[in-house]
Amino acid sequence: MFEIDVTIAGGGVVGCAVAAACARKGWSVVLLEQEAGLGRATTSRNSQVSHGGMYYPAGSLKARYCVAGRRMLKEFCLDHGVGYQECGKLIVATSADQLGELERLHALGTENGVEDLRLLDAGELSRLEPGIDGVAALHSPRTGILDAEGVAKAFARVAVGGGAQVMTGARLAGLERAPSGWLVSVESGAVERESWRHGSRCVVNAAGLWADRVAALAGIDPVARNWSLHLSRGNYFAVDPRHTGKVGHLVYPVPPADGSTLGAHVCLDLGGRMRLGPDYELLAGDPRPADGRFGLDADLDYRVDPARAAEFFAGARTFLPWLEIEDLTPDMCGLRPKLCLHGFRDFEVSRESDPDLVGLINLVGIDSPGLTSSPALAEAVAGLAAEILA
């Protein structure tokens, strides 16, 4: 019955990276993704940035996995033909009272191991980016942009090449503890529903927006663990194409003091298109099905309210003097699986030791910098799986 070594719930970039790392170990691997394709939810609905790692407390999982993951992610993309561009990032102070925070980020980033960070004065900033207003900036030249959905699919190809089964349209329907692992119930098919069970010695919960509910499926109380996810919206507005080329770096404001977001910033994609976002929109309630069921990405509301343009404009105009509110049009929205609404909360990465949960690895609250951290997270999870499979 226990014919599978590792079953992974979730086919976002983290789940696909875990599948690749486990397949490289020679284990039998099954990845289950309920959507019709890989990387369609959180993975593809974000800024597509490979972050530096200067925002996160020293020694935290976010700091460690972000810094290591960025190096690994760049190498992986270059080796596998996935779009990646090291365009660099500027965190811009627009007033003197923000200089202390800029210096703190510089010191923290240096402590975290972020390479080549440099503080710029107003003249240096103007020479580097003439279209940006600011009194100073922190320059992170190693920050990059990438094709996030493409990298998820590339990880999946590596996994399949190593013998893994990657299944889309396959919903995790149940987890039942058994003496030597887990019985995994799966449902597949939109019209003609098919269901089956397989035995798995190890189960990895990499379900992103649904990770707390997968944990509950295994018998964990997310409330007692403080694992209940709070989904917040991050909206984006496109900038009129007539401004293409005016900015060559990602440009971020000094982040808000509550730590809820990095601030709505200038995003660039690999085609040079410019967007502003994301903001941080608190939701009145949980947008997921109220009865604890899983839903599909299409069941969630990703509409962008055009009225939010005024707030975007007010924030961006402080460092983009040429921007007009008419330049902004609603673009896309993403949902973030956050473990807290304000302040810092680290990734939850746990190998369960309770006798009723042995063989389960949970990844909960993998919000930003989850994309950047994905290959480093995957190596850590493969290490935990090796302890289970030994």
Protein backbone atom coordinates (compact mmCIF):
# COMPACT_ATOMS: atom_id res chain seq x y z
CA MET A 1 0.00 0.00 0.00
CA PHE A 2 2.81 2.47 0.84
CA GLU A 3 4.18 2.63 -2.66
CA ILE A 4 4.98 6.38 -2.62
CA ASP A 5 7.80 7.92 -0.61
CA VAL A 6 6.68 11.58 -0.75
CA THR A 7 3.31 13.13 -1.65
CA ILE A 8 3.25 16.91 -2.05
CA ALA A 9 0.03 18.92 -1.77
CA GLY A 10 0.34 22.08 -3.86
CA GLY A 11 1.77 22.82 -7.29
CA GLY A 12 2.92 26.38 -6.79
CA VAL A 13 6.59 27.25 -7.09
CA VAL A 14 7.37 25.93 -3.58
CA GLY A 15 5.61 22.60 -4.12
CA CYS A 16 7.26 22.15 -7.51
CA ALA A 17 10.70 22.98 -6.06
CA VAL A 18 10.11 20.45 -3.28
CA ALA A 19 9.13 17.82 -5.88
CA ALA A 20 12.35 18.47 -7.81
CA ALA A 21 14.50 18.30 -4.66
CA CYS A 22 12.87 15.03 -3.54
CA ALA A 23 13.05 13.43 -6.98
CA ARG A 24 16.77 14.21 -7.10
CA LYS A 25 17.11 12.05 -3.97
CA GLY A 26 15.80 9.08 -5.94
CA TRP A 27 12.54 8.87 -4.00
CA SER A 28 9.16 8.11 -5.53
CA VAL A 29 7.22 11.39 -5.59
CA VAL A 30 3.64 12.44 -6.36
CA LEU A 31 2.68 16.12 -6.59
CA LEU A 32 -1.03 16.99 -6.41
CA GLU A 33 -2.27 20.33 -7.75
CA GLN A 34 -6.00 21.00 -7.73
CA GLU A 35 -5.83 23.68 -10.43
CA ALA A 36 -5.68 22.77 -14.12
CA GLY A 37 -2.11 24.10 -14.33
CA LEU A 38 0.92 24.72 -12.14
CA GLY A 39 1.77 28.03 -10.47
CA ARG A 40 -1.57 29.70 -11.18
CA ALA A 41 -2.39 31.14 -7.76
CA THR A 42 0.06 32.92 -5.45
CA THR A 43 3.06 32.06 -7.64
CA SER A 44 1.88 34.01 -10.68
CA ARG A 45 -0.07 36.76 -8.90
CA ASN A 46 2.77 38.74 -7.35
CA SER A 47 5.56 41.12 -8.32
CA GLN A 48 7.73 38.34 -9.82
CA VAL A 49 10.72 39.65 -7.87
CA SER A 50 13.76 37.72 -6.69
CA HIS A 51 14.26 39.66 -3.45
CA GLY A 52 17.53 40.69 -1.88
CA GLY A 53 16.75 39.84 1.75
CA MET A 54 17.29 43.11 3.62
CA TYR A 55 13.84 43.36 5.21
CA TYR A 56 13.73 40.30 7.47
CA PRO A 57 15.05 39.86 11.03
CA ALA A 58 18.52 38.37 11.19
CA GLY A 59 18.46 34.61 11.70
CA SER A 60 14.81 34.24 10.66
CA LEU A 61 13.82 31.61 8.11
CA LYS A 62 12.72 34.37 5.76
CA ALA A 63 16.13 36.02 5.92
CA ARG A 64 18.10 32.80 5.56
CA TYR A 65 16.01 31.20 2.82
CA CYS A 66 15.61 34.44 0.88
CA VAL A 67 19.33 35.18 0.66
CA ALA A 68 20.28 31.58 -0.16
CA GLY A 69 17.25 31.07 -2.39
CA ARG A 70 17.95 34.10 -4.55
CA ARG A 71 21.38 32.78 -5.48
CA MET A 72 19.98 29.30 -6.16
CA LEU A 73 17.01 30.69 -8.12
CA LYS A 74 19.21 32.76 -10.41
CA GLU A 75 21.44 29.78 -11.15
CA PHE A 76 18.45 27.50 -11.73
CA CYS A 77 16.79 29.95 -14.14
CA LEU A 78 19.98 30.44 -16.14
CA ASP A 79 20.57 26.67 -16.30
CA HIS A 80 17.00 25.87 -17.37
CA GLY A 81 16.23 28.69 -19.79
CA VAL A 82 13.78 30.53 -17.53
CA GLY A 83 13.59 34.31 -17.93
CA TYR A 84 15.63 36.11 -15.25
CA GLN A 85 16.98 39.65 -15.18
CA GLU A 86 19.11 41.20 -12.45
CA CYS A 87 17.68 44.70 -12.84
CA GLY A 88 18.39 45.82 -9.27
CA LYS A 89 16.22 47.63 -6.74
CA LEU A 90 16.16 51.07 -5.15
CA ILE A 91 14.51 51.72 -1.79
CA VAL A 92 13.93 55.46 -1.93
CA ALA A 93 13.67 57.90 0.97
CA THR A 94 11.65 60.96 0.02
CA SER A 95 12.21 62.90 3.24
CA ALA A 96 14.96 63.29 5.83
CA ASP A 97 12.92 61.53 8.52
CA GLN A 98 13.17 58.28 6.51
CA LEU A 99 16.98 58.22 6.45
CA GLY A 100 17.26 56.33 9.73
CA GLU A 101 15.10 53.49 8.42
CA LEU A 102 17.13 53.36 5.23
CA GLU A 103 20.33 53.02 7.25
CA ARG A 104 18.70 50.30 9.39
CA LEU A 105 17.77 48.31 6.28
CA HIS A 106 21.32 48.68 4.97
CA ALA A 107 22.77 47.34 8.22
CA LEU A 108 20.22 44.52 8.44
CA GLY A 109 20.73 43.49 4.83
CA THR A 110 24.49 43.42 5.33
CA GLU A 111 24.06 41.27 8.44
CA ASN A 112 21.78 38.92 6.46
CA GLY A 113 24.43 38.46 3.79
CA VAL A 114 22.89 40.51 0.98
CA GLU A 115 25.65 41.32 -1.49
CA ASP A 116 26.70 44.74 -2.81
CA LEU A 117 24.21 46.89 -0.87
CA ARG A 118 25.05 50.57 -1.08
CA LEU A 119 23.56 53.78 0.27
CA LEU A 120 23.17 56.53 -2.35
CA ASP A 121 22.81 60.24 -1.75
CA ALA A 122 20.42 62.38 -3.77
CA GLY A 123 23.00 63.12 -6.47
CA GLU A 124 23.96 59.47 -6.95
CA LEU A 125 20.28 58.50 -7.10
CA SER A 126 19.58 61.16 -9.72
CA ARG A 127 22.47 60.00 -11.89
CA LEU A 128 21.36 56.37 -11.67
CA GLU A 129 17.63 57.07 -12.15
CA PRO A 130 16.95 60.62 -13.42
CA GLY A 131 13.20 59.98 -13.36
CA ILE A 132 13.09 59.32 -9.61
CA ASP A 133 12.82 61.97 -6.87
CA GLY A 134 14.39 61.21 -3.49
CA VAL A 135 16.80 62.46 -0.86
CA ALA A 136 18.63 59.11 -0.64
CA ALA A 137 18.25 55.47 -1.60
CA LEU A 138 19.43 51.99 -0.76
CA HIS A 139 20.66 50.23 -3.90
CA SER A 140 20.38 46.43 -4.12
CA PRO A 141 21.92 45.52 -7.51
CA ARG A 142 21.42 41.76 -7.05
CA THR A 143 17.62 41.99 -6.80
CA GLY A 144 16.02 40.57 -9.95
CA ILE A 145 12.81 39.79 -11.82
CA LEU A 146 11.81 36.46 -13.31
CA ASP A 147 9.10 34.39 -14.93
CA ALA A 148 7.63 32.88 -11.76
CA GLU A 149 5.14 30.55 -13.44
CA GLY A 150 7.90 29.50 -15.80
CA VAL A 151 10.22 28.59 -12.95
CA ALA A 152 7.48 26.53 -11.25
CA LYS A 153 7.02 24.57 -14.48
CA ALA A 154 10.79 24.15 -14.85
CA PHE A 155 11.02 22.69 -11.33
CA ALA A 156 8.18 20.34 -12.28
CA ARG A 157 10.05 19.23 -15.42
CA VAL A 158 13.09 18.43 -13.31
CA ALA A 159 10.88 16.45 -10.95
CA VAL A 160 9.28 14.50 -13.79
CA GLY A 161 12.72 13.87 -15.26
CA GLY A 162 13.64 12.29 -11.93
CA GLY A 163 10.63 9.98 -12.02
CA ALA A 164 8.06 12.08 -10.14
CA GLN A 165 4.37 12.09 -11.05
CA VAL A 166 3.05 15.67 -11.35
CA MET A 167 -0.74 15.68 -11.43
CA THR A 168 -2.87 18.75 -12.15
CA GLY A 169 -6.62 18.84 -11.63
CA ALA A 170 -6.03 16.51 -8.69
CA ARG A 171 -7.57 17.61 -5.40
CA LEU A 172 -6.35 16.32 -2.04
CA ALA A 173 -9.59 15.02 -0.48
CA GLY A 174 -8.41 13.29 2.67
CA LEU A 175 -5.47 12.32 4.86
CA GLU A 176 -5.70 9.31 7.13
CA ARG A 177 -2.89 8.24 9.44
CA ALA A 178 -1.76 4.64 9.05
CA PRO A 179 0.97 2.62 10.82
CA SER A 180 3.62 3.27 8.17
CA GLY A 181 2.60 6.66 6.83
CA TRP A 182 -0.50 8.26 5.38
CA LEU A 183 -3.42 7.16 3.22
CA VAL A 184 -3.91 9.98 0.74
CA SER A 185 -7.35 10.36 -0.86
CA VAL A 186 -7.43 12.17 -4.21
CA GLU A 187 -10.26 13.41 -6.44
CA SER A 188 -9.74 14.24 -10.10
CA GLY A 189 -11.85 15.30 -13.06
CA ALA A 190 -14.15 18.31 -13.49
CA VAL A 191 -16.98 16.38 -15.18
CA GLU A 192 -16.46 12.68 -14.56
CA ARG A 193 -15.19 12.56 -11.02
CA GLU A 194 -12.55 9.94 -10.33
CA SER A 195 -11.19 9.15 -6.88
CA TRP A 196 -8.48 6.92 -5.47
CA ARG A 197 -6.20 6.43 -2.48
CA HIS A 198 -2.52 5.75 -2.27
CA GLY A 199 -0.13 5.17 0.59
CA SER A 200 2.66 7.65 1.23
CA ARG A 201 5.42 7.46 3.81
CA CYS A 202 5.73 11.25 3.88
CA VAL A 203 3.26 14.05 3.05
CA VAL A 204 4.38 17.64 2.43
CA ASN A 205 1.77 20.36 2.86
CA ALA A 206 2.78 23.10 0.41
CA ALA A 207 -0.79 24.19 -0.33
CA GLY A 208 -0.29 27.96 -0.14
CA LEU A 209 -3.67 29.66 0.27
CA TRP A 210 -5.12 26.40 1.57
CA ALA A 211 -2.25 25.21 3.80
CA ASP A 212 -4.15 25.66 7.07
CA ARG A 213 -7.00 23.57 5.68
CA VAL A 214 -4.67 20.80 4.55
CA ALA A 215 -3.23 20.80 8.08
CA ALA A 216 -6.79 20.50 9.43
CA LEU A 217 -7.40 17.59 7.05
CA ALA A 218 -4.55 15.78 8.81
CA GLY A 219 -6.10 16.39 12.23
CA ILE A 220 -4.29 19.59 13.27
CA ASP A 221 -6.25 22.46 14.86
CA PRO A 222 -4.97 25.56 13.00
CA VAL A 223 -6.47 27.88 15.62
CA ALA A 224 -4.64 26.14 18.46
CA ARG A 225 -1.39 26.30 16.45
CA ASN A 226 -2.00 29.96 15.54
CA TRP A 227 -1.87 28.81 11.92
CA SER A 228 -5.15 30.27 10.69
CA LEU A 229 -4.37 32.08 7.47
CA HIS A 230 -5.49 35.64 6.87
CA LEU A 231 -5.79 36.24 3.14
CA SER A 232 -5.04 39.83 2.18
CA ARG A 233 -5.30 41.33 -1.30
CA GLY A 234 -2.44 42.93 -3.16
CA ASN A 235 -3.70 45.05 -6.05
CA TYR A 236 -1.68 46.29 -9.03
CA PHE A 237 -2.20 49.15 -11.48
CA ALA A 238 -0.57 49.27 -14.90
CA VAL A 239 1.34 52.41 -15.87
CA ASP A 240 0.67 53.85 -19.31
CA PRO A 241 3.11 52.31 -21.86
CA ARG A 242 4.18 55.80 -22.95
CA HIS A 243 6.36 55.82 -19.82
CA THR A 244 8.16 52.59 -20.71
CA GLY A 245 11.89 53.01 -20.19
CA LYS A 246 11.67 55.93 -17.77
CA VAL A 247 12.68 53.66 -14.89
CA GLY A 248 15.21 50.86 -15.18
CA HIS A 249 15.16 49.56 -11.59
CA LEU A 250 12.49 48.26 -9.27
CA VAL A 251 11.69 51.26 -7.07
CA TYR A 252 10.33 50.80 -3.54
CA PRO A 253 9.38 53.34 -0.89
CA VAL A 254 10.71 53.04 2.62
CA PRO A 255 8.31 50.40 4.01
CA PRO A 256 5.52 51.25 6.46
CA ALA A 257 6.39 50.95 10.13
CA ASP A 258 3.77 48.24 10.80
CA GLY A 259 5.62 45.79 8.52
CA SER A 260 2.42 44.71 6.75
CA THR A 261 3.86 45.26 3.29
CA LEU A 262 6.96 46.51 1.49
CA GLY A 263 4.89 49.39 0.14
CA ALA A 264 3.37 49.87 -3.29
CA HIS A 265 6.33 50.05 -5.63
CA VAL A 266 7.36 50.24 -9.27
CA CYS A 267 7.36 46.73 -10.72
CA LEU A 268 8.94 45.82 -14.03
CA ASP A 269 8.37 42.64 -15.97
CA LEU A 270 10.75 40.93 -18.37
CA GLY A 271 9.12 42.77 -21.28
CA GLY A 272 9.77 46.17 -19.68
CA ARG A 273 6.13 46.81 -18.73
CA MET A 274 5.70 48.98 -15.65
CA ARG A 275 3.16 48.50 -12.88
CA LEU A 276 2.55 49.90 -9.41
CA GLY A 277 1.78 47.55 -6.56
CA PRO A 278 0.99 45.71 -4.55
CA ASP A 279 -0.96 47.58 -1.93
CA TYR A 280 -2.26 45.92 1.23
CA GLU A 281 -6.03 45.50 1.29
CA LEU A 282 -7.47 43.90 4.40
CA LEU A 283 -10.49 41.73 3.68
CA ALA A 284 -13.64 41.86 5.77
CA GLY A 285 -13.67 38.08 6.09
CA ASP A 286 -12.17 34.87 4.76
CA PRO A 287 -12.88 34.70 1.00
CA ARG A 288 -12.58 30.92 0.98
CA PRO A 289 -15.59 28.57 1.38
CA ALA A 290 -16.96 28.98 4.89
CA ASP A 291 -17.45 25.26 5.53
CA GLY A 292 -13.74 24.46 5.52
CA ARG A 293 -13.75 23.00 2.02
CA PHE A 294 -11.09 23.65 -0.58
CA GLY A 295 -11.92 25.84 -3.53
CA LEU A 296 -10.32 26.63 -6.85
CA ASP A 297 -8.45 29.79 -7.72
CA ALA A 298 -11.37 30.76 -9.98
CA ASP A 299 -13.67 30.80 -6.94
CA LEU A 300 -11.73 33.68 -5.39
CA ASP A 301 -12.28 37.35 -6.20
CA TYR A 302 -9.35 38.89 -8.04
CA ARG A 303 -11.06 42.05 -9.30
CA VAL A 304 -9.23 45.35 -8.83
CA ASP A 305 -11.32 48.30 -7.71
CA PRO A 306 -10.55 51.24 -10.05
CA ALA A 307 -11.22 53.65 -7.17
CA ARG A 308 -7.97 52.52 -5.52
CA ALA A 309 -6.05 54.40 -8.23
CA ALA A 310 -6.13 57.60 -6.17
CA GLU A 311 -4.30 55.95 -3.27
CA PHE A 312 -1.72 54.42 -5.62
CA PHE A 313 -1.15 57.77 -7.29
CA ALA A 314 -0.72 59.62 -4.00
CA GLY A 315 1.93 57.17 -2.84
CA ALA A 316 3.86 56.86 -6.09
CA ARG A 317 3.79 60.57 -6.96
CA THR A 318 6.14 61.26 -4.05
CA PHE A 319 8.99 59.67 -6.03
CA LEU A 320 7.63 59.64 -9.61
CA PRO A 321 7.26 63.36 -10.47
CA TRP A 322 6.12 62.64 -14.03
CA LEU A 323 3.21 60.36 -13.08
CA GLU A 324 -0.39 61.45 -13.69
CA ILE A 325 -3.41 59.68 -12.28
CA GLU A 326 -4.67 59.14 -15.83
CA ASP A 327 -1.61 56.93 -16.39
CA LEU A 328 -3.00 54.24 -14.07
CA THR A 329 -5.39 51.45 -15.07
CA PRO A 330 -6.45 48.43 -12.97
CA ASP A 331 -4.21 45.46 -13.70
CA MET A 332 -4.20 42.34 -11.53
CA CYS A 333 -4.62 41.22 -7.94
CA GLY A 334 -3.08 38.51 -5.79
CA LEU A 335 -3.97 36.97 -2.44
CA ARG A 336 -1.35 36.44 0.25
CA PRO A 337 -1.46 33.58 2.79
CA LYS A 338 -0.49 35.62 5.85
CA LEU A 339 -0.20 34.29 9.39
CA CYS A 340 -0.65 37.76 10.89
CA LEU A 341 -2.15 40.99 9.62
CA HIS A 342 0.47 43.33 11.08
CA GLY A 343 4.10 43.01 12.06
CA PHE A 344 6.52 40.20 11.27
CA ARG A 345 5.66 36.50 11.29
CA ASP A 346 8.15 33.97 10.04
CA PHE A 347 7.51 31.00 7.78
CA GLU A 348 6.17 27.92 9.57
CA VAL A 349 8.21 24.90 8.47
CA SER A 350 7.63 21.90 10.71
CA ARG A 351 8.21 18.16 10.65
CA GLU A 352 5.52 16.77 12.92
CA SER A 353 6.71 14.69 15.86
CA ASP A 354 3.34 13.82 17.43
CA PRO A 355 2.78 10.04 16.99
CA ASP A 356 -0.54 10.78 15.27
CA LEU A 357 1.15 13.08 12.76
CA VAL A 358 4.52 11.46 12.07
CA GLY A 359 5.41 11.66 8.39
CA LEU A 360 3.78 15.07 7.85
CA ILE A 361 5.73 18.22 6.96
CA ASN A 362 3.81 21.50 7.04
CA LEU A 363 4.70 24.71 5.21
CA VAL A 364 2.26 27.38 6.40
CA GLY A 365 2.26 31.14 5.89
CA ILE A 366 4.62 31.05 2.91
CA ASP A 367 4.01 34.60 1.77
CA SER A 368 6.74 36.94 0.52
CA PRO A 369 9.62 36.07 0.04
CA GLY A 370 8.28 32.60 -0.74
CA LEU A 371 9.06 32.77 -4.46
CA THR A 372 12.65 33.84 -3.85
CA SER A 373 13.06 31.31 -1.03
CA SER A 374 11.59 28.36 -2.94
CA PRO A 375 14.76 26.43 -3.85
CA ALA A 376 16.27 26.90 -0.38
CA LEU A 377 12.96 25.93 1.24
CA ALA A 378 12.87 22.85 -0.98
CA GLU A 379 16.32 21.70 0.13
CA ALA A 380 15.31 22.16 3.77
CA VAL A 381 12.12 20.16 3.25
CA ALA A 382 14.04 17.39 1.46
CA GLY A 383 16.30 17.24 4.52
CA LEU A 384 13.29 16.84 6.80
CA ALA A 385 11.83 14.18 4.50
CA ALA A 386 15.12 12.27 4.62
CA GLU A 387 14.75 12.02 8.42
CA ILE A 388 11.27 10.53 7.94
CA LEU A 389 12.34 8.10 5.21
CA ALA A 390 15.55 6.95 6.92
